[in-house]
Amino acid sequence: MKISTETGSCAQTLGQLKTIELVAKSGFDAWDFSMFDLKVPGHPLAGDNYRQLVREFKKVGEDNGIVCNQSHAPFPSFMEGMKSLVVRALECTSLAGGKICVVHPDNNKCAEENAELYFELLPIAKDLGVKIATENMWNWDEKKGHAAKAACSHHDDFLKHILAVNDDYFVACLDIGHAEMKGLDTSSVQMINTLKGHIQALHIHDNNKWFDSHAMPYTMDIDFKPIIKTLHDVGYKGYFTLEHLGSFENGAEEKMRNMADVARKMAKEFESYS
């Protein structure tokens, strides 16, 4: 089992190139190419030189012994003017060597409505050799003070989204933190048992089972042991990818090493069931 982490949080402080190098030196096997900020005016990847930049990112990774395993397109994916940015994110994923790009569904659309965008993107993704992954989302109920249903937020609806597209290039990214939030009537274990082999990517982080904290695993309330065992039982073959978000302004090296140690602990637990 190989381990990975998203680059967006650290790149805000160190930049993408130095972040990829640090991810490698900290003990990760791969980097998750975060492109959340691609929609920000003036972002380097939005300019004409984006292909050369991504090739540099890939080379830094390879020179340090790691690869890009997956990426995250900017969101909301369905916002006006976003399709071209999502297409660019797919191309950047391919240039970086990534095999999967996470493209959020519209929180408030059903499986058949969300499938329309994915059908438009799939021919492009296939030409680039990149799979599109949809992700379990959440809305917020202000009156009840907890999460409310959204696209893919329940295990049955997540499967409906996958089957509505029904293509080998359309897969599931299970966000463990989202699945454990109060009000969504599901769990990571239920998600895994329902989706099984459709899950080909993960976003791993912790929370208090209420808010979407994106905390370091094993620091809050999610019980990862049954989740890891169930992933093993269904034959999960992807990476263990952290999506722990936070500041890297102080002690970036130590923080990244700690993250790699946690991810490796999870990977070893997965392997222990073999």
Protein backbone atom coordinates (compact mmCIF):
# COMPACT_ATOMS: atom_id res chain seq x y z
CA MET A 1 0.00 0.00 0.00
CA LYS A 2 1.47 3.32 -1.10
CA ILE A 3 0.84 6.70 0.53
CA SER A 4 0.22 10.18 -0.83
CA THR A 5 -0.84 13.64 0.32
CA GLU A 6 -2.43 16.71 -1.24
CA THR A 7 -0.07 19.57 -2.09
CA GLY A 8 -2.36 22.60 -1.93
CA SER A 9 -2.01 23.52 1.74
CA CYS A 10 1.78 23.39 1.83
CA ALA A 11 2.14 25.01 -1.59
CA GLN A 12 0.50 28.17 -0.24
CA THR A 13 3.63 28.63 1.86
CA LEU A 14 6.43 26.85 -0.01
CA GLY A 15 5.18 26.82 -3.59
CA GLN A 16 4.41 23.71 -5.61
CA LEU A 17 7.97 22.71 -6.53
CA LYS A 18 9.35 22.83 -2.98
CA THR A 19 6.22 21.13 -1.67
CA ILE A 20 6.64 18.17 -4.00
CA GLU A 21 10.28 17.87 -2.94
CA LEU A 22 9.27 17.99 0.75
CA VAL A 23 6.54 15.38 0.22
CA ALA A 24 9.19 13.05 -1.19
CA LYS A 25 11.79 13.70 1.51
CA SER A 26 9.17 13.13 4.22
CA GLY A 27 8.51 9.57 3.12
CA PHE A 28 5.47 9.71 0.86
CA ASP A 29 5.34 7.65 -2.32
CA ALA A 30 3.28 10.13 -4.32
CA TRP A 31 1.76 13.61 -4.45
CA ASP A 32 -1.88 14.57 -4.95
CA PHE A 33 -1.92 17.55 -7.33
CA SER A 34 -4.24 20.16 -5.77
CA MET A 35 -5.61 22.66 -8.29
CA PHE A 36 -8.20 24.38 -6.09
CA ASP A 37 -6.68 27.80 -6.86
CA LEU A 38 -6.69 27.39 -10.64
CA LYS A 39 -9.82 29.57 -10.69
CA VAL A 40 -7.96 32.48 -9.03
CA PRO A 41 -7.14 35.22 -11.58
CA GLY A 42 -3.44 35.27 -12.37
CA HIS A 43 -2.77 31.72 -11.17
CA PRO A 44 0.32 30.34 -12.98
CA LEU A 45 -1.55 27.28 -14.26
CA ALA A 46 -4.15 29.55 -15.85
CA GLY A 47 -1.49 31.17 -18.05
CA ASP A 48 0.01 30.14 -21.37
CA ASN A 49 3.05 28.46 -19.76
CA TYR A 50 1.07 25.90 -17.75
CA ARG A 51 2.33 22.85 -19.66
CA GLN A 52 5.97 23.68 -18.97
CA LEU A 53 5.21 24.34 -15.32
CA VAL A 54 3.51 20.98 -14.86
CA ARG A 55 6.37 19.19 -16.60
CA GLU A 56 8.70 20.83 -14.06
CA PHE A 57 6.49 19.59 -11.21
CA LYS A 58 6.58 16.07 -12.61
CA LYS A 59 10.37 16.14 -13.02
CA VAL A 60 10.93 17.34 -9.45
CA GLY A 61 8.80 14.46 -8.23
CA GLU A 62 10.58 11.90 -10.37
CA ASP A 63 14.02 13.27 -9.44
CA ASN A 64 13.05 12.71 -5.80
CA GLY A 65 11.57 9.24 -6.35
CA ILE A 66 7.84 9.96 -6.23
CA VAL A 67 4.98 10.20 -8.75
CA CYS A 68 1.71 12.08 -9.03
CA ASN A 69 -1.04 9.58 -8.22
CA GLN A 70 -4.13 11.78 -8.46
CA SER A 71 -5.35 15.35 -8.55
CA HIS A 72 -8.22 17.60 -7.55
CA ALA A 73 -9.92 19.91 -10.05
CA PRO A 74 -11.11 23.36 -8.97
CA PHE A 75 -14.65 23.61 -7.67
CA PRO A 76 -17.60 24.25 -7.69
CA SER A 77 -17.32 22.24 -10.90
CA PHE A 78 -20.73 23.37 -12.17
CA MET A 79 -20.22 27.11 -11.67
CA GLU A 80 -20.45 29.21 -14.83
CA GLY A 81 -17.10 29.35 -16.62
CA MET A 82 -15.63 26.42 -14.66
CA LYS A 83 -15.78 23.75 -17.36
CA SER A 84 -12.72 25.10 -19.18
CA LEU A 85 -10.77 25.10 -15.89
CA VAL A 86 -11.80 21.52 -15.15
CA VAL A 87 -10.66 20.54 -18.65
CA ARG A 88 -7.32 22.22 -17.98
CA ALA A 89 -7.08 20.37 -14.66
CA LEU A 90 -7.58 17.09 -16.51
CA GLU A 91 -4.78 18.00 -18.93
CA CYS A 92 -2.49 19.07 -16.09
CA THR A 93 -3.18 15.76 -14.34
CA SER A 94 -2.12 13.89 -17.46
CA LEU A 95 1.02 16.00 -17.89
CA ALA A 96 1.95 15.37 -14.26
CA GLY A 97 1.50 11.63 -14.71
CA GLY A 98 -1.62 11.37 -12.53
CA LYS A 99 -4.19 8.68 -13.25
CA ILE A 100 -7.28 10.09 -11.50
CA CYS A 101 -8.74 13.60 -11.26
CA VAL A 102 -11.42 14.34 -8.65
CA VAL A 103 -14.23 16.46 -10.11
CA HIS A 104 -16.93 17.42 -7.61
CA PRO A 105 -20.58 16.82 -8.47
CA ASP A 106 -23.09 19.62 -8.09
CA ASN A 107 -24.25 19.28 -4.48
CA ASN A 108 -27.88 19.94 -5.34
CA LYS A 109 -28.33 17.85 -8.48
CA CYS A 110 -29.41 14.24 -8.80
CA ALA A 111 -27.31 11.51 -10.36
CA GLU A 112 -28.83 11.87 -13.82
CA GLU A 113 -28.33 15.65 -13.83
CA ASN A 114 -24.75 15.40 -12.62
CA ALA A 115 -24.04 12.74 -15.24
CA GLU A 116 -24.55 15.33 -17.99
CA LEU A 117 -21.32 17.17 -17.13
CA TYR A 118 -19.39 13.95 -16.68
CA PHE A 119 -20.55 12.72 -20.09
CA GLU A 120 -19.15 15.93 -21.60
CA LEU A 121 -15.81 15.49 -19.83
CA LEU A 122 -15.29 11.77 -20.37
CA PRO A 123 -14.11 11.86 -24.02
CA ILE A 124 -11.49 14.45 -23.04
CA ALA A 125 -10.43 12.43 -20.00
CA LYS A 126 -10.11 9.26 -22.06
CA ASP A 127 -7.93 10.98 -24.65
CA LEU A 128 -5.69 12.12 -21.80
CA GLY A 129 -5.64 8.73 -20.07
CA VAL A 130 -7.10 10.17 -16.85
CA LYS A 131 -10.05 8.75 -14.93
CA ILE A 132 -12.63 11.11 -13.45
CA ALA A 133 -13.59 10.49 -9.82
CA THR A 134 -16.72 11.90 -8.23
CA GLU A 135 -16.76 12.50 -4.48
CA ASN A 136 -19.28 12.26 -1.64
CA MET A 137 -20.34 15.80 -0.68
CA TRP A 138 -22.38 17.55 2.03
CA ASN A 139 -24.64 20.53 2.56
CA TRP A 140 -25.38 22.24 5.87
CA ASP A 141 -28.67 22.44 7.77
CA GLU A 142 -28.52 25.76 9.63
CA LYS A 143 -31.56 24.97 11.78
CA LYS A 144 -30.32 21.56 12.93
CA GLY A 145 -26.68 22.61 13.04
CA HIS A 146 -25.26 19.62 11.20
CA ALA A 147 -24.64 18.31 7.69
CA ALA A 148 -27.50 17.73 5.26
CA LYS A 149 -27.76 15.49 2.23
CA ALA A 150 -26.01 16.42 -1.00
CA ALA A 151 -24.83 14.64 -4.13
CA CYS A 152 -23.23 11.29 -3.24
CA SER A 153 -23.58 12.03 0.50
CA HIS A 154 -25.45 8.75 1.10
CA HIS A 155 -23.97 5.44 0.01
CA ASP A 156 -26.99 4.56 -2.16
CA ASP A 157 -26.90 7.94 -3.94
CA PHE A 158 -23.15 7.63 -4.45
CA LEU A 159 -23.69 4.32 -6.23
CA LYS A 160 -26.50 5.87 -8.30
CA HIS A 161 -24.06 8.52 -9.52
CA ILE A 162 -21.53 5.87 -10.52
CA LEU A 163 -24.12 3.75 -12.33
CA ALA A 164 -25.72 6.75 -14.06
CA VAL A 165 -22.45 7.24 -15.97
CA ASN A 166 -21.45 3.55 -16.02
CA ASP A 167 -18.00 3.93 -17.55
CA ASP A 168 -14.62 2.45 -16.58
CA TYR A 169 -13.18 5.97 -16.66
CA PHE A 170 -15.66 7.19 -14.04
CA VAL A 171 -14.85 6.09 -10.49
CA ALA A 172 -15.42 6.98 -6.84
CA CYS A 173 -13.20 8.97 -4.51
CA LEU A 174 -14.31 8.21 -0.96
CA ASP A 175 -13.89 11.21 1.33
CA ILE A 176 -13.71 9.55 4.73
CA GLY A 177 -14.26 12.73 6.72
CA HIS A 178 -17.38 13.65 4.76
CA ALA A 179 -18.84 10.16 5.18
CA GLU A 180 -18.62 10.38 8.96
CA MET A 181 -20.45 13.70 9.43
CA LYS A 182 -23.61 13.76 11.53
CA GLY A 183 -26.83 14.06 9.53
CA LEU A 184 -25.82 12.12 6.42
CA ASP A 185 -27.07 8.68 7.59
CA THR A 186 -24.06 6.79 6.30
CA SER A 187 -20.48 5.88 7.25
CA SER A 188 -17.23 5.12 5.53
CA VAL A 189 -17.75 1.40 6.09
CA GLN A 190 -21.21 1.56 4.51
CA MET A 191 -19.80 3.53 1.60
CA ILE A 192 -17.04 0.98 1.03
CA ASN A 193 -19.36 -2.02 1.25
CA THR A 194 -21.80 -0.41 -1.19
CA LEU A 195 -19.31 0.92 -3.74
CA LYS A 196 -16.64 -1.79 -3.45
CA GLY A 197 -14.35 -1.76 -6.50
CA HIS A 198 -15.71 1.55 -7.75
CA ILE A 199 -13.63 3.24 -5.04
CA GLN A 200 -10.26 3.92 -6.62
CA ALA A 201 -9.17 7.01 -4.67
CA LEU A 202 -9.38 8.28 -1.10
CA HIS A 203 -9.40 11.57 0.79
CA ILE A 204 -8.32 10.68 4.33
CA HIS A 205 -8.76 13.08 7.24
CA ASP A 206 -10.31 13.19 10.70
CA ASN A 207 -13.11 15.15 12.38
CA ASN A 208 -15.37 15.15 15.43
CA LYS A 209 -18.09 13.42 13.36
CA TRP A 210 -19.87 16.77 13.12
CA PHE A 211 -17.78 19.38 11.28
CA ASP A 212 -15.61 18.93 8.18
CA SER A 213 -12.38 19.67 10.03
CA HIS A 214 -9.89 17.98 7.68
CA ALA A 215 -7.76 17.19 10.72
CA MET A 216 -4.86 14.75 10.95
CA PRO A 217 -6.03 11.13 11.23
CA TYR A 218 -6.06 9.77 14.80
CA THR A 219 -6.42 13.24 16.35
CA MET A 220 -10.23 13.41 16.57
CA ASP A 221 -13.18 10.98 16.67
CA ILE A 222 -13.18 8.82 13.54
CA ASP A 223 -12.36 5.17 14.17
CA PHE A 224 -10.12 4.25 11.26
CA LYS A 225 -9.56 0.60 12.16
CA PRO A 226 -12.85 -0.78 10.72
CA ILE A 227 -12.52 1.54 7.73
CA ILE A 228 -9.05 0.25 6.87
CA LYS A 229 -10.12 -3.38 7.36
CA THR A 230 -13.15 -2.92 5.11
CA LEU A 231 -11.00 -1.33 2.41
CA HIS A 232 -8.79 -4.39 2.59
CA ASP A 233 -11.76 -6.77 2.55
CA VAL A 234 -13.18 -5.30 -0.68
CA GLY A 235 -9.75 -5.37 -2.35
CA TYR A 236 -8.98 -1.65 -2.52
CA LYS A 237 -5.99 -1.14 -4.83
CA GLY A 238 -5.46 2.62 -4.78
CA TYR A 239 -3.27 4.87 -2.66
CA PHE A 240 -3.85 6.03 0.90
CA THR A 241 -4.06 9.77 0.21
CA LEU A 242 -4.27 12.30 3.04
CA GLU A 243 -6.38 15.43 2.67
CA HIS A 244 -5.36 16.99 5.97
CA LEU A 245 -5.62 20.74 5.41
CA GLY A 246 -3.82 23.32 7.48
CA SER A 247 -1.08 25.91 7.70
CA PHE A 248 2.54 25.10 6.91
CA GLU A 249 3.90 28.53 7.86
CA ASN A 250 5.77 27.12 10.85
CA GLY A 251 7.55 23.77 11.04
CA ALA A 252 6.63 22.58 7.55
CA GLU A 253 9.25 19.82 7.54
CA GLU A 254 8.17 18.36 10.87
CA LYS A 255 4.50 18.56 9.99
CA MET A 256 4.99 16.79 6.66
CA ARG A 257 7.08 14.05 8.31
CA ASN A 258 4.35 13.53 10.91
CA MET A 259 1.77 13.25 8.15
CA ALA A 260 3.86 10.66 6.33
CA ASP A 261 4.29 8.68 9.54
CA VAL A 262 0.51 8.63 10.07
CA ALA A 263 -0.19 7.61 6.49
CA ARG A 264 2.44 4.85 6.71
CA LYS A 265 0.85 3.59 9.93
CA MET A 266 -2.47 3.28 8.11
CA ALA A 267 -0.83 1.53 5.17
CA LYS A 268 0.85 -0.98 7.44
CA GLU A 269 -2.41 -1.71 9.20
CA PHE A 270 -4.01 -2.34 5.79
CA GLU A 271 -1.18 -4.73 4.91
CA SER A 272 -1.50 -6.53 8.25
CA TYR A 273 -4.84 -8.02 7.15
CA SER A 274 -3.20 -9.87 4.25
